Amino acid sequence: QVQLVESGGGLVQPGGSLRLSCAASGSIFSPYVLGWYRQAPGKQRDVVATLTSGGTINYTDSVKGRFTISRDNAKNTVYLQMNSLKPEDTAVYYCNVFFSRMGMRYSYWGQGTQVTVSS
């Protein structure tokens, strides 16, 4: 069983920055994909950024150049550095890990952390 715990959300003014953290515990098998997703009120949950065990990174177009996903393997933690925040970035942010093992697919989610961008 894998557990993911997010932290770092909050209220920030437009143009500000936040760093989200997602601490993982349990057994995660390579190859895997770490991801940050977000869900605004009344909208579906969408991918923001992904980082594979091989180091490949992808961002959704709306956050390119502003957000950075990274990981600290020693701390079993994945981060999302968010700069130049805009009101449209307001959402609940979730981290996710996906991997396959012995023909089974595993996808785990954190509980989410609220990010509100407002003046």
C-alpha atoms as a PDB file:
ATOM      1  CA  GLN A   1       0.000   0.000   0.000  1.00  0.00           C
ATOM      2  CA  VAL A   2       1.244   3.461  -0.919  1.00  0.00           C
ATOM      3  CA  GLN A   3       0.293   6.612   0.954  1.00  0.00           C
ATOM      4  CA  LEU A   4       0.747  10.130  -0.387  1.00  0.00           C
ATOM      5  CA  VAL A   5       0.472  13.214   1.801  1.00  0.00           C
ATOM      6  CA  GLU A   6       0.435  16.679   0.209  1.00  0.00           C
ATOM      7  CA  SER A   7       1.291  19.929   1.940  1.00  0.00           C
ATOM      8  CA  GLY A   8       2.177  23.499   1.081  1.00  0.00           C
ATOM      9  CA  GLY A   9      -1.086  24.880  -0.237  1.00  0.00           C
ATOM     10  CA  GLY A  10      -2.554  28.170   0.856  1.00  0.00           C
ATOM     11  CA  LEU A  11      -3.675  31.638  -0.135  1.00  0.00           C
ATOM     12  CA  VAL A  12      -1.327  33.680  -2.290  1.00  0.00           C
ATOM     13  CA  GLN A  13      -1.640  36.898  -4.267  1.00  0.00           C
ATOM     14  CA  PRO A  14      -1.389  36.906  -8.062  1.00  0.00           C
ATOM     15  CA  GLY A  15       2.248  36.810  -9.087  1.00  0.00           C
ATOM     16  CA  GLY A  16       3.256  34.995  -5.936  1.00  0.00           C
ATOM     17  CA  SER A  17       4.812  31.593  -5.401  1.00  0.00           C
ATOM     18  CA  LEU A  18       4.073  28.400  -3.527  1.00  0.00           C
ATOM     19  CA  ARG A  19       5.850  25.076  -3.244  1.00  0.00           C
ATOM     20  CA  LEU A  20       3.757  21.961  -2.851  1.00  0.00           C
ATOM     21  CA  SER A  21       5.225  18.803  -1.365  1.00  0.00           C
ATOM     22  CA  CYS A  22       4.027  15.223  -1.614  1.00  0.00           C
ATOM     23  CA  ALA A  23       5.588  12.713   0.757  1.00  0.00           C
ATOM     24  CA  ALA A  24       5.273   9.082  -0.244  1.00  0.00           C
ATOM     25  CA  SER A  25       5.419   5.983   1.911  1.00  0.00           C
ATOM     26  CA  GLY A  26       5.121   2.345   0.963  1.00  0.00           C
ATOM     27  CA  SER A  27       6.496   0.392  -1.960  1.00  0.00           C
ATOM     28  CA  ILE A  28       6.654   2.065  -5.344  1.00  0.00           C
ATOM     29  CA  PHE A  29       8.046  -0.008  -8.195  1.00  0.00           C
ATOM     30  CA  SER A  30       9.863   1.264 -11.225  1.00  0.00           C
ATOM     31  CA  PRO A  31       8.994   2.221 -13.820  1.00  0.00           C
ATOM     32  CA  TYR A  32       6.563   4.714 -12.337  1.00  0.00           C
ATOM     33  CA  VAL A  33       5.039   8.069 -13.107  1.00  0.00           C
ATOM     34  CA  LEU A  34       4.683  10.797 -10.488  1.00  0.00           C
ATOM     35  CA  GLY A  35       2.136  13.466 -11.234  1.00  0.00           C
ATOM     36  CA  TRP A  36       0.533  16.621  -9.963  1.00  0.00           C
ATOM     37  CA  TYR A  37      -3.102  17.183 -10.891  1.00  0.00           C
ATOM     38  CA  ARG A  38      -5.578  19.913 -10.058  1.00  0.00           C
ATOM     39  CA  GLN A  39      -9.323  20.236  -9.860  1.00  0.00           C
ATOM     40  CA  ALA A  40     -11.116  23.563  -9.836  1.00  0.00           C
ATOM     41  CA  PRO A  41     -14.722  23.823  -8.590  1.00  0.00           C
ATOM     42  CA  GLY A  42     -17.142  22.383 -11.108  1.00  0.00           C
ATOM     43  CA  LYS A  43     -14.370  21.109 -13.362  1.00  0.00           C
ATOM     44  CA  GLN A  44     -12.682  17.782 -13.978  1.00  0.00           C
ATOM     45  CA  ARG A  45      -9.342  16.836 -12.521  1.00  0.00           C
ATOM     46  CA  ASP A  46      -6.586  17.662 -14.998  1.00  0.00           C
ATOM     47  CA  VAL A  47      -2.899  16.842 -15.136  1.00  0.00           C
ATOM     48  CA  VAL A  48      -0.493  19.674 -14.355  1.00  0.00           C
ATOM     49  CA  ALA A  49       2.920  18.007 -14.498  1.00  0.00           C
ATOM     50  CA  THR A  50       4.411  14.528 -14.622  1.00  0.00           C
ATOM     51  CA  LEU A  51       7.823  13.072 -13.838  1.00  0.00           C
ATOM     52  CA  THR A  52       8.770   9.531 -14.747  1.00  0.00           C
ATOM     53  CA  SER A  53      11.209   7.274 -12.940  1.00  0.00           C
ATOM     54  CA  GLY A  54      13.468   7.757 -15.956  1.00  0.00           C
ATOM     55  CA  GLY A  55      13.456  11.517 -15.492  1.00  0.00           C
ATOM     56  CA  THR A  56      11.113  12.565 -18.292  1.00  0.00           C
ATOM     57  CA  ILE A  57       9.105  15.659 -17.403  1.00  0.00           C
ATOM     58  CA  ASN A  58       5.976  17.047 -19.012  1.00  0.00           C
ATOM     59  CA  TYR A  59       3.836  20.069 -18.238  1.00  0.00           C
ATOM     60  CA  THR A  60       0.435  21.161 -19.359  1.00  0.00           C
ATOM     61  CA  ASP A  61       0.740  24.195 -21.618  1.00  0.00           C
ATOM     62  CA  SER A  62      -0.831  26.637 -19.187  1.00  0.00           C
ATOM     63  CA  VAL A  63       1.921  26.161 -16.570  1.00  0.00           C
ATOM     64  CA  LYS A  64       5.003  25.850 -18.783  1.00  0.00           C
ATOM     65  CA  GLY A  65       7.686  28.272 -17.704  1.00  0.00           C
ATOM     66  CA  ARG A  66       5.972  28.903 -14.353  1.00  0.00           C
ATOM     67  CA  PHE A  67       5.791  25.528 -12.588  1.00  0.00           C
ATOM     68  CA  THR A  68       8.584  23.044 -11.907  1.00  0.00           C
ATOM     69  CA  ILE A  69       8.178  19.437 -10.820  1.00  0.00           C
ATOM     70  CA  SER A  70      11.057  17.759  -9.022  1.00  0.00           C
ATOM     71  CA  ARG A  71      11.760  14.937  -6.602  1.00  0.00           C
ATOM     72  CA  ASP A  72      14.060  14.101  -3.720  1.00  0.00           C
ATOM     73  CA  ASN A  73      14.554  10.352  -3.732  1.00  0.00           C
ATOM     74  CA  ALA A  74      16.218  10.381  -0.310  1.00  0.00           C
ATOM     75  CA  LYS A  75      13.115  11.958   1.188  1.00  0.00           C
ATOM     76  CA  ASN A  76      10.616  10.066  -0.994  1.00  0.00           C
ATOM     77  CA  THR A  77       9.085  13.422  -1.828  1.00  0.00           C
ATOM     78  CA  VAL A  78       7.935  15.076  -5.031  1.00  0.00           C
ATOM     79  CA  TYR A  79       7.586  18.842  -5.278  1.00  0.00           C
ATOM     80  CA  LEU A  80       5.729  21.337  -7.409  1.00  0.00           C
ATOM     81  CA  GLN A  81       7.267  24.787  -7.396  1.00  0.00           C
ATOM     82  CA  MET A  82       4.673  27.254  -8.622  1.00  0.00           C
ATOM     83  CA  ASN A  83       5.766  30.765  -9.616  1.00  0.00           C
ATOM     84  CA  SER A  84       3.927  33.688 -11.198  1.00  0.00           C
ATOM     85  CA  LEU A  85       0.655  32.305  -9.930  1.00  0.00           C
ATOM     86  CA  LYS A  86      -2.572  33.412 -11.567  1.00  0.00           C
ATOM     87  CA  PRO A  87      -6.167  33.344 -10.288  1.00  0.00           C
ATOM     88  CA  GLU A  88      -6.902  30.568 -12.788  1.00  0.00           C
ATOM     89  CA  ASP A  89      -4.404  28.357 -10.942  1.00  0.00           C
ATOM     90  CA  THR A  90      -6.849  28.221  -8.037  1.00  0.00           C
ATOM     91  CA  ALA A  91      -7.758  24.580  -7.428  1.00  0.00           C
ATOM     92  CA  VAL A  92      -7.266  21.602  -5.180  1.00  0.00           C
ATOM     93  CA  TYR A  93      -3.925  20.055  -6.108  1.00  0.00           C
ATOM     94  CA  TYR A  94      -3.398  16.306  -5.875  1.00  0.00           C
ATOM     95  CA  CYS A  95      -0.313  14.180  -6.270  1.00  0.00           C
ATOM     96  CA  ASN A  96      -0.458  10.767  -7.875  1.00  0.00           C
ATOM     97  CA  VAL A  97       1.817   7.823  -8.468  1.00  0.00           C
ATOM     98  CA  PHE A  98       1.150   5.199 -11.118  1.00  0.00           C
ATOM     99  CA  PHE A  99       3.024   1.967 -11.761  1.00  0.00           C
ATOM    100  CA  SER A 100       2.473  -1.524 -13.062  1.00  0.00           C
ATOM    101  CA  ARG A 101       3.680  -4.703 -11.409  1.00  0.00           C
ATOM    102  CA  MET A 102       3.119  -8.304 -12.409  1.00  0.00           C
ATOM    103  CA  GLY A 103       0.348  -7.323 -14.794  1.00  0.00           C
ATOM    104  CA  MET A 104      -1.500  -5.193 -12.267  1.00  0.00           C
ATOM    105  CA  ARG A 105      -1.888  -1.429 -12.474  1.00  0.00           C
ATOM    106  CA  TYR A 106      -1.642   0.691  -9.341  1.00  0.00           C
ATOM    107  CA  SER A 107      -2.672   4.337  -8.982  1.00  0.00           C
ATOM    108  CA  TYR A 108      -2.553   6.162  -5.671  1.00  0.00           C
ATOM    109  CA  TRP A 109      -3.763   9.661  -4.796  1.00  0.00           C
ATOM    110  CA  GLY A 110      -3.080  12.050  -1.993  1.00  0.00           C
ATOM    111  CA  GLN A 111      -5.835  13.848  -0.114  1.00  0.00           C
ATOM    112  CA  GLY A 112      -5.294  17.124  -1.941  1.00  0.00           C
ATOM    113  CA  THR A 113      -4.185  20.593  -0.878  1.00  0.00           C
ATOM    114  CA  GLN A 114      -6.046  23.807  -1.641  1.00  0.00           C
ATOM    115  CA  VAL A 115      -4.310  26.549  -3.596  1.00  0.00           C
ATOM    116  CA  THR A 116      -6.121  29.879  -3.807  1.00  0.00           C
ATOM    117  CA  VAL A 117      -4.707  32.742  -5.869  1.00  0.00           C
ATOM    118  CA  SER A 118      -6.510  35.961  -5.064  1.00  0.00           C
ATOM    119  CA  SER A 119      -5.851  39.566  -4.164  1.00  0.00           C
END
